């Protein structure tokens, strides 16, 4: 019984000492107010976001745009009075990549310009190419055997067609107070550790070698 009383007294004393420990930590109220004032009245967040996204554009690692964005950010930090602003490397990354030009057209059975964009880090065509489009989804070793010897000279479409359903809802709408409240209560879904999705049976290196052998 005596031991329990001593334990209770020790716990009570530790609880009483917690506010004392916190009260000893000094808060620079003046600095907090300056940060608050700067963020509320002189925020540059929209100008910064607009320049990075609208002027510089996509900033894929290892690209000229990423380097330009880093240098621009460094100059802004210096302009705002930050000392020793520098761009620091974050380890080895590999080759950079940038898309300079892409243009795709259908010429038969009737001419039509096509919307197209290059996937990052894809190889260039070294000039204009012309060929028969062919849908060949290669994900397994069986697919390789299926298409072996059949792709030479073709423009290979490697992904299955997407199902696009008509939508009659407006593209944009104004959120109500209730909608905004629901957004704050929506939990963030956990991402699967393996990245999720179906993993291909063959590696990209094997697929690239297959396309080279097929003279695609």
Protein backbone atom coordinates (compact mmCIF):
# COMPACT_ATOMS: atom_id res chain seq x y z
CA UNK A 1 0.00 0.00 0.00
CA UNK A 2 2.85 2.34 0.90
CA UNK A 3 4.53 1.59 -2.44
CA UNK A 4 1.36 2.50 -4.36
CA UNK A 5 1.13 5.81 -2.49
CA UNK A 6 4.73 6.66 -3.35
CA UNK A 7 4.09 5.83 -7.03
CA UNK A 8 0.97 8.00 -7.08
CA UNK A 9 2.86 10.88 -5.48
CA UNK A 10 5.69 10.57 -8.00
CA UNK A 11 3.26 10.63 -10.93
CA UNK A 12 1.45 13.66 -9.53
CA UNK A 13 4.75 15.50 -9.07
CA UNK A 14 5.84 14.74 -12.65
CA UNK A 15 2.55 16.08 -14.01
CA UNK A 16 2.96 19.27 -12.00
CA UNK A 17 6.49 19.77 -13.31
CA UNK A 18 5.48 19.55 -17.01
CA UNK A 19 3.96 23.07 -17.21
CA UNK A 20 7.04 24.43 -15.40
CA UNK A 21 9.33 22.88 -18.01
CA UNK A 22 7.28 24.28 -20.86
CA UNK A 23 7.03 27.70 -19.23
CA UNK A 24 10.84 27.96 -19.19
CA UNK A 25 10.97 27.84 -23.01
CA UNK A 26 10.97 31.40 -24.32
CA UNK A 27 8.90 32.20 -27.38
CA UNK A 28 10.04 35.04 -29.61
CA UNK A 29 6.62 36.62 -29.95
CA UNK A 30 8.02 39.47 -32.02
CA UNK A 31 9.43 37.07 -34.61
CA UNK A 32 6.21 35.07 -34.69
CA UNK A 33 4.28 38.27 -35.36
CA UNK A 34 6.72 39.27 -38.12
CA UNK A 35 6.31 35.88 -39.83
CA UNK A 36 2.53 36.17 -39.53
CA UNK A 37 2.58 39.71 -40.92
CA UNK A 38 4.80 38.71 -43.84
CA UNK A 39 2.66 35.72 -44.76
CA UNK A 40 -0.65 37.56 -44.54
CA UNK A 41 0.23 40.90 -46.15
CA UNK A 42 3.27 40.27 -48.37
CA UNK A 43 3.00 36.66 -49.45
CA UNK A 44 4.62 35.83 -52.79
CA UNK A 45 3.20 32.32 -53.02
CA UNK A 46 0.98 32.89 -56.06
CA UNK A 47 3.66 34.80 -58.00
CA UNK A 48 6.20 32.08 -57.17
CA UNK A 49 3.86 29.26 -58.14
CA UNK A 50 2.90 31.00 -61.39
CA UNK A 51 6.51 31.55 -62.45
CA UNK A 52 7.56 27.97 -61.69
CA UNK A 53 4.57 26.38 -63.44
CA UNK A 54 3.56 28.83 -66.18
CA UNK A 55 6.92 30.34 -67.19
CA UNK A 56 9.46 27.58 -66.49
CA UNK A 57 6.97 24.74 -66.88
CA UNK A 58 7.41 21.03 -66.03
CA UNK A 59 10.54 20.42 -63.97
CA UNK A 60 11.51 16.79 -64.43
CA UNK A 61 14.71 15.80 -62.54
CA UNK A 62 17.77 16.00 -64.72
CA UNK A 63 16.25 18.44 -67.23
CA UNK A 64 17.27 21.99 -68.21
CA UNK A 65 13.95 23.24 -66.81
CA UNK A 66 14.76 21.77 -63.40
CA UNK A 67 18.16 23.47 -63.41
CA UNK A 68 16.56 26.77 -64.42
CA UNK A 69 13.98 26.45 -61.63
CA UNK A 70 16.70 25.79 -59.04
CA UNK A 71 18.76 28.77 -60.16
CA UNK A 72 15.69 31.03 -60.20
CA UNK A 73 14.73 29.91 -56.69
CA UNK A 74 18.26 30.55 -55.46
CA UNK A 75 18.19 34.08 -56.90
CA UNK A 76 14.84 34.74 -55.24
CA UNK A 77 16.15 33.58 -51.85
CA UNK A 78 19.07 36.00 -52.20
CA UNK A 79 16.72 38.78 -53.30
CA UNK A 80 14.62 38.20 -50.17
CA UNK A 81 17.68 38.60 -47.95
CA UNK A 82 18.62 34.99 -47.27
CA UNK A 83 22.37 34.50 -46.82
CA UNK A 84 24.43 31.74 -48.46
CA UNK A 85 21.64 30.52 -50.76
CA UNK A 86 22.98 27.64 -52.86
CA UNK A 87 21.83 24.81 -55.11
CA UNK A 88 22.90 21.50 -53.56
CA UNK A 89 23.14 18.20 -55.50
CA UNK A 90 21.15 15.26 -54.17
CA UNK A 91 23.23 12.35 -55.39
CA UNK A 92 23.62 10.81 -58.83
CA UNK A 93 20.52 10.77 -61.01
CA UNK A 94 21.52 9.69 -64.50
CA UNK A 95 20.81 11.27 -67.86
CA UNK A 96 18.73 14.39 -68.26
CA UNK A 97 15.97 14.72 -70.83
CA UNK A 98 14.01 17.44 -72.61
CA UNK A 99 11.37 17.48 -75.33
CA UNK A 100 12.22 20.05 -78.01
CA UNK A 101 9.60 19.25 -80.63
CA UNK A 102 6.90 16.70 -81.43
CA UNK A 103 4.31 16.65 -84.23
CA UNK A 104 2.04 13.72 -85.12
CA UNK A 105 -0.35 13.50 -88.07
CA UNK A 106 -2.68 10.88 -89.54
CA UNK A 107 -2.44 10.89 -93.35
CA UNK A 108 -4.77 7.99 -94.24
CA UNK A 109 -7.64 7.40 -94.86
CA UNK A 110 -8.05 11.17 -94.31
CA UNK A 111 -5.65 13.75 -92.95
CA UNK A 112 -6.02 14.79 -89.31
CA UNK A 113 -3.60 16.40 -86.86
CA UNK A 114 -3.20 14.38 -83.67
CA UNK A 115 -2.59 15.56 -80.13
CA UNK A 116 0.57 13.90 -78.83
CA UNK A 117 3.23 14.34 -76.18
CA UNK A 118 6.51 12.56 -75.61
CA UNK A 119 6.97 10.39 -72.54
CA UNK A 120 9.91 11.57 -70.43
CA UNK A 121 13.23 9.92 -71.25
CA UNK A 122 12.01 8.35 -74.50
CA UNK A 123 14.49 8.34 -77.37
CA UNK A 124 14.06 10.74 -80.26
CA UNK A 125 13.16 9.65 -83.80
CA UNK A 126 16.15 11.44 -85.38
CA UNK A 127 13.86 13.21 -87.82
CA UNK A 128 10.56 12.57 -89.59
CA UNK A 129 9.25 8.99 -89.70
CA UNK A 130 6.29 7.48 -91.53
CA UNK A 131 4.69 4.11 -90.95
CA UNK A 132 1.65 1.99 -90.24
CA UNK A 133 0.35 2.34 -86.67
CA UNK A 134 0.02 -0.98 -84.87
CA UNK A 135 -1.40 -1.69 -81.42
CA UNK A 136 0.92 -4.16 -79.69
CA UNK A 137 0.66 -4.30 -75.92
CA UNK A 138 3.72 -6.20 -74.67
CA UNK A 139 3.67 -7.03 -70.96
CA UNK A 140 4.67 -10.71 -70.76
CA UNK A 141 7.13 -13.12 -72.36
CA UNK A 142 4.18 -14.63 -74.19
CA UNK A 143 3.49 -11.22 -75.73
CA UNK A 144 7.08 -11.07 -76.96
CA UNK A 145 6.68 -14.41 -78.70
CA UNK A 146 3.34 -13.28 -80.14
CA UNK A 147 4.77 -10.13 -81.76
CA UNK A 148 8.25 -11.35 -82.66
CA UNK A 149 9.00 -10.64 -86.32
CA UNK A 150 5.82 -8.58 -86.84
CA UNK A 151 6.76 -5.05 -85.79
CA UNK A 152 9.46 -3.98 -88.26
CA UNK A 153 8.71 -0.57 -89.76
CA UNK A 154 5.55 -0.07 -87.71
CA UNK A 155 4.68 2.79 -85.38
CA UNK A 156 3.91 0.71 -82.30
CA UNK A 157 1.22 1.81 -79.85
CA UNK A 158 2.31 0.16 -76.60
CA UNK A 159 -0.60 0.98 -74.27
CA UNK A 160 -4.18 -0.33 -74.52
CA UNK A 161 -6.88 2.18 -75.54
CA UNK A 162 -8.48 4.04 -72.67
CA UNK A 163 -12.21 3.91 -72.13
CA UNK A 164 -13.51 7.47 -72.38
CA UNK A 165 -17.10 7.90 -71.23
CA UNK A 166 -19.21 10.96 -72.01
CA UNK A 167 -19.67 13.38 -69.15
CA UNK A 168 -22.52 15.85 -68.89
CA UNK A 169 -21.44 17.41 -65.60
CA UNK A 170 -19.91 20.90 -65.65
CA UNK A 171 -16.10 20.94 -65.59
CA UNK A 172 -15.98 23.42 -62.71
CA UNK A 173 -18.31 24.29 -59.87
CA UNK A 174 -18.19 26.49 -56.80
CA UNK A 175 -17.87 24.61 -53.51
CA UNK A 176 -20.39 25.29 -50.79
CA UNK A 177 -19.42 25.66 -47.13
CA UNK A 178 -20.64 22.10 -46.58
CA UNK A 179 -18.47 20.81 -49.46
CA UNK A 180 -15.39 22.52 -48.02
CA UNK A 181 -16.09 21.06 -44.60
CA UNK A 182 -16.29 17.55 -46.08
CA UNK A 183 -12.94 18.07 -47.81
CA UNK A 184 -11.26 18.81 -44.47
CA UNK A 185 -12.72 15.61 -43.02
CA UNK A 186 -11.69 13.34 -45.89
CA UNK A 187 -8.87 11.02 -44.77
CA UNK A 188 -5.75 10.76 -46.93
CA UNK A 189 -5.63 7.24 -48.44
CA UNK A 190 -2.50 5.23 -47.68
CA UNK A 191 -0.35 4.35 -50.67
CA UNK A 192 0.61 0.68 -51.03
CA UNK A 193 4.28 0.04 -50.27
CA UNK A 194 4.86 -1.70 -53.60
CA UNK A 195 3.43 1.21 -55.58
CA UNK A 196 0.24 -0.64 -56.46
CA UNK A 197 -0.93 -1.60 -59.91
CA UNK A 198 -0.09 -4.62 -62.01
CA UNK A 199 3.62 -5.28 -62.37
CA UNK A 200 4.84 -6.27 -65.84
CA UNK A 201 6.41 -9.69 -66.20
CA UNK A 202 9.33 -8.33 -68.23
CA UNK A 203 11.71 -5.51 -67.36
CA UNK A 204 11.96 -2.31 -69.36
CA UNK A 205 15.50 -3.21 -70.46
CA UNK A 206 14.20 -6.47 -71.96
CA UNK A 207 11.38 -4.63 -73.71
CA UNK A 208 13.75 -2.03 -75.13
CA UNK A 209 16.05 -4.75 -76.46
CA UNK A 210 13.04 -6.48 -78.06
CA UNK A 211 11.99 -3.28 -79.85
CA UNK A 212 15.56 -2.73 -81.10
CA UNK A 213 15.73 -6.24 -82.50
CA UNK A 214 12.38 -5.69 -84.20
CA UNK A 215 13.72 -2.45 -85.75
CA UNK A 216 10.82 -0.43 -84.42
